[in-house]
N, C-alpha and C. Protein backbone atom coordinates (compact mmCIF):
# COMPACT_ATOMS: atom_id res chain seq x y z
N MET A 1 46.11 36.29 311.85
CA MET A 1 45.83 36.79 310.52
C MET A 1 44.58 36.13 309.97
N GLU A 2 43.65 36.93 309.46
CA GLU A 2 42.41 36.40 308.91
C GLU A 2 42.62 36.01 307.46
N LYS A 3 41.96 34.95 307.07
CA LYS A 3 42.02 34.51 305.69
C LYS A 3 40.70 34.87 305.02
N GLY A 4 40.78 35.40 303.82
CA GLY A 4 39.58 35.80 303.09
C GLY A 4 38.75 34.61 302.67
N GLY A 5 37.56 34.91 302.18
CA GLY A 5 36.66 33.87 301.73
C GLY A 5 35.70 34.40 300.70
N ALA A 6 34.89 33.53 300.19
CA ALA A 6 33.89 33.91 299.20
C ALA A 6 32.66 33.02 299.33
N VAL A 7 31.52 33.62 299.06
CA VAL A 7 30.26 32.89 298.94
C VAL A 7 30.00 32.78 297.45
N TYR A 8 29.44 31.65 297.03
CA TYR A 8 29.19 31.47 295.60
C TYR A 8 27.91 30.67 295.37
N ILE A 9 27.38 30.82 294.17
CA ILE A 9 26.21 30.03 293.77
C ILE A 9 26.54 29.33 292.46
N MET A 10 26.30 28.04 292.45
CA MET A 10 26.48 27.21 291.25
C MET A 10 25.10 26.78 290.76
N THR A 11 24.98 26.57 289.46
CA THR A 11 23.75 26.05 288.89
C THR A 11 24.11 25.09 287.76
N ASN A 12 23.08 24.45 287.19
CA ASN A 12 23.32 23.58 286.04
C ASN A 12 22.96 24.34 284.75
N ARG A 13 23.10 23.69 283.62
CA ARG A 13 22.89 24.41 282.35
C ARG A 13 21.44 24.83 282.14
N HIS A 14 20.51 24.20 282.82
CA HIS A 14 19.09 24.55 282.69
C HIS A 14 18.63 25.53 283.77
N HIS A 15 19.55 25.88 284.68
CA HIS A 15 19.25 26.78 285.81
C HIS A 15 18.11 26.23 286.66
N ALA A 16 18.08 24.93 286.80
CA ALA A 16 17.00 24.26 287.53
C ALA A 16 17.32 24.10 289.02
N VAL A 17 18.60 24.03 289.36
CA VAL A 17 19.00 23.87 290.76
C VAL A 17 20.05 24.91 291.10
N TYR A 18 20.13 25.23 292.39
CA TYR A 18 21.10 26.22 292.86
C TYR A 18 21.80 25.67 294.09
N TYR A 19 23.11 25.81 294.10
CA TYR A 19 23.91 25.38 295.25
C TYR A 19 24.66 26.60 295.77
N THR A 20 24.50 26.90 297.03
CA THR A 20 25.21 28.00 297.67
C THR A 20 26.31 27.43 298.54
N GLY A 21 27.52 27.93 298.35
CA GLY A 21 28.65 27.43 299.12
C GLY A 21 29.55 28.54 299.59
N VAL A 22 30.52 28.18 300.41
CA VAL A 22 31.51 29.13 300.93
C VAL A 22 32.88 28.46 300.83
N THR A 23 33.90 29.25 300.57
CA THR A 23 35.24 28.71 300.42
C THR A 23 36.29 29.78 300.68
N SER A 24 37.50 29.34 300.97
CA SER A 24 38.61 30.27 301.11
C SER A 24 39.40 30.37 299.80
N ASN A 25 39.10 29.50 298.84
CA ASN A 25 39.77 29.53 297.54
C ASN A 25 38.74 29.24 296.46
N LEU A 26 38.13 30.29 295.94
CA LEU A 26 37.02 30.15 295.00
C LEU A 26 37.42 29.43 293.73
N PHE A 27 38.55 29.78 293.15
CA PHE A 27 38.97 29.15 291.89
C PHE A 27 39.10 27.64 292.06
N SER A 28 39.81 27.20 293.09
CA SER A 28 40.00 25.76 293.31
C SER A 28 38.69 25.05 293.61
N ARG A 29 37.84 25.68 294.40
CA ARG A 29 36.57 25.04 294.78
C ARG A 29 35.67 24.88 293.56
N VAL A 30 35.59 25.89 292.72
CA VAL A 30 34.76 25.78 291.51
C VAL A 30 35.33 24.70 290.59
N GLN A 31 36.65 24.63 290.50
CA GLN A 31 37.28 23.59 289.68
C GLN A 31 36.90 22.20 290.21
N GLU A 32 36.83 22.04 291.52
CA GLU A 32 36.40 20.76 292.10
C GLU A 32 34.97 20.43 291.69
N HIS A 33 34.09 21.43 291.70
CA HIS A 33 32.71 21.19 291.26
C HIS A 33 32.69 20.77 289.79
N LYS A 34 33.44 21.47 288.96
CA LYS A 34 33.46 21.17 287.53
C LYS A 34 34.02 19.77 287.25
N ASP A 35 35.02 19.38 288.02
CA ASP A 35 35.65 18.06 287.85
C ASP A 35 34.91 16.94 288.57
N LYS A 36 33.86 17.30 289.32
CA LYS A 36 33.08 16.32 290.09
C LYS A 36 33.99 15.47 290.99
N VAL A 37 34.86 16.17 291.72
CA VAL A 37 35.80 15.52 292.63
C VAL A 37 35.06 14.70 293.67
N TYR A 38 33.90 15.17 294.08
CA TYR A 38 33.08 14.45 295.06
C TYR A 38 31.83 13.95 294.33
N PRO A 39 31.89 12.76 293.74
CA PRO A 39 30.82 12.27 292.87
C PRO A 39 29.45 12.09 293.53
N LYS A 40 29.41 11.99 294.85
CA LYS A 40 28.11 11.83 295.52
C LYS A 40 27.55 13.15 296.04
N SER A 41 28.24 14.25 295.75
CA SER A 41 27.80 15.56 296.22
C SER A 41 26.58 16.05 295.44
N PHE A 42 25.90 17.04 296.00
CA PHE A 42 24.74 17.65 295.36
C PHE A 42 25.10 18.20 293.98
N THR A 43 26.22 18.92 293.91
CA THR A 43 26.58 19.55 292.63
C THR A 43 26.92 18.51 291.57
N ALA A 44 27.54 17.43 291.96
CA ALA A 44 27.85 16.38 290.98
C ALA A 44 26.57 15.67 290.54
N LYS A 45 25.72 15.36 291.49
CA LYS A 45 24.47 14.65 291.19
C LYS A 45 23.58 15.43 290.22
N TYR A 46 23.53 16.76 290.40
CA TYR A 46 22.65 17.60 289.57
C TYR A 46 23.40 18.41 288.52
N ASN A 47 24.66 18.06 288.27
CA ASN A 47 25.49 18.73 287.26
C ASN A 47 25.53 20.25 287.45
N ALA A 48 25.59 20.69 288.67
CA ALA A 48 25.68 22.13 288.96
C ALA A 48 27.15 22.54 288.88
N ASP A 49 27.61 22.82 287.68
CA ASP A 49 29.02 23.13 287.45
C ASP A 49 29.23 24.51 286.82
N LYS A 50 28.24 25.36 286.93
CA LYS A 50 28.30 26.70 286.34
C LYS A 50 28.26 27.75 287.47
N LEU A 51 29.35 28.51 287.61
CA LEU A 51 29.42 29.56 288.63
C LEU A 51 28.67 30.79 288.10
N VAL A 52 27.58 31.16 288.78
CA VAL A 52 26.77 32.29 288.31
C VAL A 52 26.77 33.47 289.28
N TYR A 53 27.34 33.29 290.47
CA TYR A 53 27.33 34.37 291.46
C TYR A 53 28.44 34.14 292.48
N PHE A 54 29.08 35.22 292.90
CA PHE A 54 30.02 35.13 294.01
C PHE A 54 30.16 36.49 294.67
N GLU A 55 30.56 36.44 295.94
CA GLU A 55 30.85 37.64 296.74
C GLU A 55 32.13 37.37 297.51
N PRO A 56 33.17 38.18 297.30
CA PRO A 56 34.39 38.01 298.10
C PRO A 56 34.29 38.73 299.44
N PHE A 57 34.99 38.23 300.44
CA PHE A 57 35.01 38.81 301.78
C PHE A 57 36.43 38.83 302.31
N HIS A 58 36.70 39.75 303.24
CA HIS A 58 38.03 39.86 303.83
C HIS A 58 38.34 38.72 304.79
N SER A 59 37.29 38.13 305.37
CA SER A 59 37.52 37.01 306.29
C SER A 59 36.56 35.87 305.97
N ILE A 60 36.99 34.67 306.27
CA ILE A 60 36.15 33.50 306.03
C ILE A 60 34.92 33.54 306.94
N GLU A 61 35.07 34.13 308.12
CA GLU A 61 33.94 34.23 309.04
C GLU A 61 32.81 35.08 308.44
N GLU A 62 33.18 36.18 307.78
CA GLU A 62 32.18 37.02 307.11
C GLU A 62 31.49 36.24 305.99
N ALA A 63 32.28 35.49 305.26
CA ALA A 63 31.73 34.70 304.16
C ALA A 63 30.76 33.64 304.68
N ILE A 64 31.09 33.01 305.78
CA ILE A 64 30.21 31.99 306.36
C ILE A 64 28.90 32.60 306.80
N GLN A 65 28.96 33.78 307.42
CA GLN A 65 27.73 34.46 307.83
C GLN A 65 26.85 34.77 306.62
N ARG A 66 27.47 35.24 305.54
CA ARG A 66 26.69 35.58 304.33
C ARG A 66 26.11 34.31 303.70
N GLU A 67 26.86 33.23 303.71
CA GLU A 67 26.36 31.97 303.18
C GLU A 67 25.10 31.54 303.93
N LYS A 68 25.14 31.61 305.24
CA LYS A 68 23.98 31.23 306.06
C LYS A 68 22.77 32.10 305.71
N GLN A 69 23.02 33.38 305.48
CA GLN A 69 21.94 34.30 305.12
C GLN A 69 21.34 33.93 303.76
N ILE A 70 22.19 33.71 302.77
CA ILE A 70 21.71 33.38 301.42
C ILE A 70 20.98 32.04 301.41
N LYS A 71 21.46 31.07 302.16
CA LYS A 71 20.81 29.76 302.19
C LYS A 71 19.38 29.83 302.72
N LYS A 72 19.08 30.86 303.51
CA LYS A 72 17.72 31.04 304.01
C LYS A 72 16.80 31.69 302.99
N TYR A 73 17.38 32.29 301.94
CA TYR A 73 16.57 32.99 300.94
C TYR A 73 15.69 32.02 300.17
N ARG A 74 14.54 32.52 299.77
CA ARG A 74 13.68 31.78 298.86
C ARG A 74 14.31 31.84 297.47
N ARG A 75 13.89 30.95 296.61
CA ARG A 75 14.43 30.87 295.25
C ARG A 75 14.39 32.21 294.52
N GLU A 76 13.30 32.95 294.66
CA GLU A 76 13.14 34.22 293.96
C GLU A 76 14.22 35.23 294.37
N LYS A 77 14.55 35.25 295.64
CA LYS A 77 15.56 36.19 296.12
C LYS A 77 16.95 35.79 295.63
N LYS A 78 17.21 34.48 295.55
CA LYS A 78 18.49 34.02 294.99
C LYS A 78 18.58 34.39 293.51
N LEU A 79 17.48 34.24 292.80
CA LEU A 79 17.46 34.62 291.38
C LEU A 79 17.74 36.10 291.22
N ALA A 80 17.18 36.93 292.08
CA ALA A 80 17.40 38.37 292.01
C ALA A 80 18.88 38.70 292.26
N LEU A 81 19.51 38.02 293.20
CA LEU A 81 20.94 38.21 293.46
C LEU A 81 21.76 37.90 292.21
N ILE A 82 21.46 36.76 291.60
CA ILE A 82 22.19 36.33 290.41
C ILE A 82 21.98 37.32 289.27
N LYS A 83 20.72 37.68 289.02
CA LYS A 83 20.43 38.60 287.91
C LYS A 83 21.05 39.97 288.10
N ALA A 84 21.17 40.44 289.33
CA ALA A 84 21.78 41.74 289.60
C ALA A 84 23.27 41.73 289.26
N MET A 85 23.95 40.64 289.56
CA MET A 85 25.39 40.54 289.31
C MET A 85 25.70 40.03 287.91
N ASN A 86 24.87 39.13 287.42
CA ASN A 86 25.18 38.38 286.21
C ASN A 86 23.92 38.23 285.35
N PRO A 87 23.44 39.32 284.74
CA PRO A 87 22.17 39.28 284.01
C PRO A 87 22.15 38.32 282.81
N THR A 88 23.31 38.00 282.27
CA THR A 88 23.36 37.08 281.12
C THR A 88 23.58 35.62 281.53
N TRP A 89 23.73 35.39 282.83
CA TRP A 89 23.92 34.04 283.38
C TRP A 89 25.16 33.35 282.81
N LYS A 90 26.20 34.13 282.49
CA LYS A 90 27.42 33.49 281.97
C LYS A 90 28.15 32.79 283.10
N ASP A 91 28.98 31.84 282.74
CA ASP A 91 29.80 31.13 283.72
C ASP A 91 30.93 32.07 284.13
N LEU A 92 30.99 32.43 285.39
CA LEU A 92 31.97 33.39 285.89
C LEU A 92 33.31 32.75 286.24
N TYR A 93 33.46 31.49 285.94
CA TYR A 93 34.68 30.77 286.28
C TYR A 93 35.92 31.42 285.65
N GLU A 94 35.83 31.80 284.40
CA GLU A 94 36.97 32.41 283.71
C GLU A 94 37.35 33.74 284.37
N GLU A 95 36.36 34.49 284.82
CA GLU A 95 36.61 35.75 285.51
C GLU A 95 37.37 35.50 286.82
N VAL A 96 36.97 34.47 287.55
CA VAL A 96 37.62 34.13 288.81
C VAL A 96 39.05 33.60 288.54
N ALA A 97 39.22 32.91 287.44
CA ALA A 97 40.53 32.35 287.10
C ALA A 97 41.58 33.44 286.89
N GLN A 98 41.14 34.64 286.55
CA GLN A 98 42.07 35.74 286.27
C GLN A 98 42.46 36.52 287.53
N TRP A 99 41.95 36.16 288.69
CA TRP A 99 42.30 36.86 289.94
C TRP A 99 43.76 36.70 290.25
C-alpha cells in the first residue's frame, strides 16, 4: 500500500528565504517548523514558519520526485508557483489543518 505525500514551500514573514520540503504528513510537519522542533534547521534559523505553497500526491515517491524538481528551480520560478496558488501569500497552515 502506497502512502501519500506532499511537497511544500515555507518562507519567513519578509518572504526573503524559501524552504522546499516533502512529507507524508503535511499538518504535523508544518507544526514542527512553526514550533522550531529542530532548532539548528534552516527553517528555524531563518524563521521560515509560514506555509505558502503545497501540492498533495497519492504516493510519497511522487512527492519526492516533485520536490527534487522544485529544488532545481530558480527563485523566480518558485515565486511564480507560489503566486499562482497563493496570490495573497497567506499562511496556508489553517487550510491544511482542516483536512
